Amino acid sequence: QLSMMLMLAQSNPQLFALIGTRANVTKELERVEQQSRLEQLSSAELLSRNTSHWADWLQEYRARLEKDREGAGDSDTWQAERLRVMRASNPKYVLRNYIAQNAIEAAENGDFSE
């Protein structure tokens, strides 16, 4: 569909202006192609690929932690400060939409117990 829109946009610049920039359309085409390639992978290939991506991410995260730790004097103090900042920045509880929706629907019926 996006390819067809690109062809139309080349012949009609006004239509292209409605669709968006060439960069945005190209980016969307690449995303669709990537999705198509992922859908063609077997379960084993997908698992291997995901495992590899997670392993790479963990390696980068460990390297970042080591770099951050190098700048700190005491490792225990650094870890305590790191945990304090994370706890101050991240929510203790995360409201789930389905739970909120249940409470809203119950409240609309006069039941405020949830």
Protein backbone atom coordinates (compact mmCIF):
# COMPACT_ATOMS: atom_id res chain seq x y z
CA GLN A 1 0.00 0.00 0.00
CA LEU A 2 2.81 2.37 0.86
CA SER A 3 4.55 1.57 -2.42
CA MET A 4 1.36 2.43 -4.28
CA MET A 5 1.10 5.71 -2.36
CA LEU A 6 4.71 6.53 -3.28
CA MET A 7 3.96 5.92 -6.95
CA LEU A 8 0.91 8.16 -6.74
CA ALA A 9 2.89 10.80 -4.87
CA GLN A 10 5.50 10.92 -7.62
CA SER A 11 2.83 11.72 -10.16
CA ASN A 12 0.85 14.03 -7.85
CA PRO A 13 2.92 16.22 -5.45
CA GLN A 14 -0.23 17.53 -3.73
CA LEU A 15 -1.18 13.99 -2.77
CA PHE A 16 2.36 13.39 -1.54
CA ALA A 17 2.08 16.43 0.73
CA LEU A 18 -1.00 14.86 2.33
CA ILE A 19 0.80 11.56 2.92
CA GLY A 20 3.90 13.05 4.53
CA THR A 21 7.55 13.48 3.79
CA ARG A 22 9.53 11.06 1.67
CA ALA A 23 11.66 10.21 4.71
CA ASN A 24 8.59 9.27 6.77
CA VAL A 25 7.14 7.12 4.00
CA THR A 26 10.53 5.45 3.42
CA LYS A 27 10.86 4.77 7.14
CA GLU A 28 7.40 3.21 7.21
CA LEU A 29 8.24 1.06 4.17
CA GLU A 30 11.38 -0.19 5.94
CA ARG A 31 9.34 -0.98 9.07
CA VAL A 32 6.83 -2.98 7.02
CA GLU A 33 9.63 -4.89 5.29
CA GLN A 34 11.29 -5.65 8.63
CA GLN A 35 7.99 -6.94 10.01
CA SER A 36 7.55 -9.14 6.96
CA ARG A 37 11.04 -10.60 7.41
CA LEU A 38 10.33 -11.29 11.10
CA GLU A 39 7.06 -13.04 10.27
CA GLN A 40 8.93 -15.39 7.95
CA LEU A 41 11.30 -16.59 10.71
CA SER A 42 10.70 -19.94 12.35
CA SER A 43 10.15 -20.09 16.12
CA ALA A 44 13.69 -21.38 16.63
CA GLU A 45 15.18 -18.59 14.48
CA LEU A 46 13.14 -15.97 16.29
CA LEU A 47 14.19 -17.33 19.69
CA SER A 48 17.85 -17.36 18.64
CA ARG A 49 17.59 -13.81 17.32
CA ASN A 50 15.87 -12.54 20.46
CA THR A 51 18.37 -14.33 22.71
CA SER A 52 21.20 -12.72 20.77
CA HIS A 53 19.64 -9.25 21.03
CA TRP A 54 19.11 -9.62 24.79
CA ALA A 55 22.65 -10.90 25.31
CA ASP A 56 24.02 -7.88 23.40
CA TRP A 57 21.85 -5.50 25.44
CA LEU A 58 22.95 -7.07 28.73
CA GLN A 59 26.60 -6.82 27.72
CA GLU A 60 26.19 -3.12 26.89
CA TYR A 61 24.36 -2.53 30.18
CA ARG A 62 27.08 -4.28 32.19
CA ALA A 63 29.73 -2.18 30.42
CA ARG A 64 27.79 0.97 31.27
CA LEU A 65 27.49 -0.05 34.92
CA GLU A 66 31.22 -0.75 35.08
CA LYS A 67 31.98 2.66 33.55
CA ASP A 68 29.66 4.37 36.05
CA ARG A 69 31.22 2.44 38.92
CA GLU A 70 34.74 3.50 37.88
CA GLY A 71 33.87 7.13 38.56
CA ALA A 72 32.59 6.35 42.07
CA GLY A 73 34.94 5.82 44.96
CA ASP A 74 33.23 3.22 47.14
CA SER A 75 31.32 0.47 45.34
CA ASP A 76 28.80 -0.04 48.17
CA THR A 77 28.04 3.69 48.38
CA TRP A 78 27.67 3.84 44.59
CA GLN A 79 25.25 0.90 44.61
CA ALA A 80 23.19 2.41 47.46
CA GLU A 81 22.94 5.75 45.63
CA ARG A 82 22.02 3.99 42.39
CA LEU A 83 19.19 2.11 44.12
CA ARG A 84 18.01 5.29 45.86
CA VAL A 85 17.78 7.15 42.53
CA MET A 86 15.98 4.23 40.85
CA ARG A 87 13.45 3.95 43.67
CA ALA A 88 12.84 7.69 43.62
CA SER A 89 12.37 7.72 39.84
CA ASN A 90 10.32 4.57 39.22
CA PRO A 91 6.77 4.02 40.47
CA LYS A 92 6.23 1.53 43.27
CA TYR A 93 2.90 0.45 41.77
CA VAL A 94 1.81 0.43 38.14
CA LEU A 95 -1.91 0.74 37.46
CA ARG A 96 -3.10 -1.79 34.91
CA ASN A 97 -5.73 -0.55 32.45
CA TYR A 98 -7.99 -3.57 32.84
CA ILE A 99 -8.05 -3.10 36.64
CA ALA A 100 -8.79 0.62 36.27
CA GLN A 101 -11.55 -0.16 33.76
CA ASN A 102 -13.15 -2.65 36.17
CA ALA A 103 -13.08 -0.03 38.94
CA ILE A 104 -14.53 2.66 36.64
CA GLU A 105 -17.37 0.41 35.51
CA ALA A 106 -18.13 -0.61 39.10
CA ALA A 107 -18.09 3.06 40.21
CA GLU A 108 -20.47 4.01 37.39
CA ASN A 109 -22.86 1.44 38.88
CA GLY A 110 -22.47 2.91 42.36
CA ASP A 111 -19.93 0.36 43.69
CA PHE A 112 -16.87 2.25 44.93
CA SER A 113 -15.27 -0.74 46.71
CA GLU A 114 -12.61 -1.30 44.04
